C-alpha atoms as a PDB file:
ATOM      1  CA  MET A   1     -43.207  29.944 -22.018  1.00  0.00           C
ATOM      2  CA  GLY A   2     -46.514  30.071 -19.647  1.00  0.00           C
ATOM      3  CA  VAL A   3     -48.556  32.435 -18.477  1.00  0.00           C
ATOM      4  CA  ARG A   4     -46.888  31.247 -15.084  1.00  0.00           C
ATOM      5  CA  ASP A   5     -43.246  32.397 -15.963  1.00  0.00           C
ATOM      6  CA  ASP A   6     -44.685  35.191 -17.733  1.00  0.00           C
ATOM      7  CA  GLN A   7     -45.771  36.377 -14.408  1.00  0.00           C
ATOM      8  CA  LYS A   8     -42.608  35.104 -12.807  1.00  0.00           C
ATOM      9  CA  LEU A   9     -40.451  37.320 -14.572  1.00  0.00           C
ATOM     10  CA  ALA A  10     -42.911  40.411 -15.075  1.00  0.00           C
ATOM     11  CA  THR A  11     -42.402  40.043 -10.647  1.00  0.00           C
ATOM     12  CA  ARG A  12     -39.120  40.312 -10.595  1.00  0.00           C
ATOM     13  CA  GLU A  13     -38.219  42.966 -13.315  1.00  0.00           C
ATOM     14  CA  LYS A  14     -40.121  44.954 -10.865  1.00  0.00           C
ATOM     15  CA  VAL A  15     -38.479  43.824  -8.069  1.00  0.00           C
ATOM     16  CA  LEU A  16     -35.408  44.818  -9.768  1.00  0.00           C
ATOM     17  CA  LEU A  17     -36.475  47.798 -10.731  1.00  0.00           C
ATOM     18  CA  ALA A  18     -37.508  49.079  -7.776  1.00  0.00           C
ATOM     19  CA  ALA A  19     -34.176  48.032  -5.758  1.00  0.00           C
ATOM     20  CA  ARG A  20     -32.551  49.647  -8.446  1.00  0.00           C
ATOM     21  CA  ASP A  21     -34.764  52.549  -7.139  1.00  0.00           C
ATOM     22  CA  LEU A  22     -33.607  52.236  -3.912  1.00  0.00           C
ATOM     23  CA  PHE A  23     -30.143  52.221  -3.894  1.00  0.00           C
ATOM     24  CA  ASN A  24     -30.035  55.059  -6.401  1.00  0.00           C
ATOM     25  CA  ASP A  25     -32.286  57.037  -3.921  1.00  0.00           C
ATOM     26  CA  ILE A  26     -30.803  56.402  -0.446  1.00  0.00           C
ATOM     27  CA  GLY A  27     -27.460  54.169  -1.053  1.00  0.00           C
ATOM     28  CA  TYR A  28     -26.555  50.638  -1.035  1.00  0.00           C
ATOM     29  CA  GLU A  29     -25.788  50.803   2.988  1.00  0.00           C
ATOM     30  CA  GLU A  30     -29.220  51.685   3.853  1.00  0.00           C
ATOM     31  CA  THR A  31     -31.178  49.534   1.655  1.00  0.00           C
ATOM     32  CA  THR A  32     -32.349  46.045   3.120  1.00  0.00           C
ATOM     33  CA  ILE A  33     -34.060  43.729   1.319  1.00  0.00           C
END
């Protein structure tokens, strides 16, 4: 994998973590992306 692929994976993980935090904080129904 190249640097670009590594960056894409890192960004994806950050987004997923942020989304999970939102779900936990305010619930699925209140979260929009």
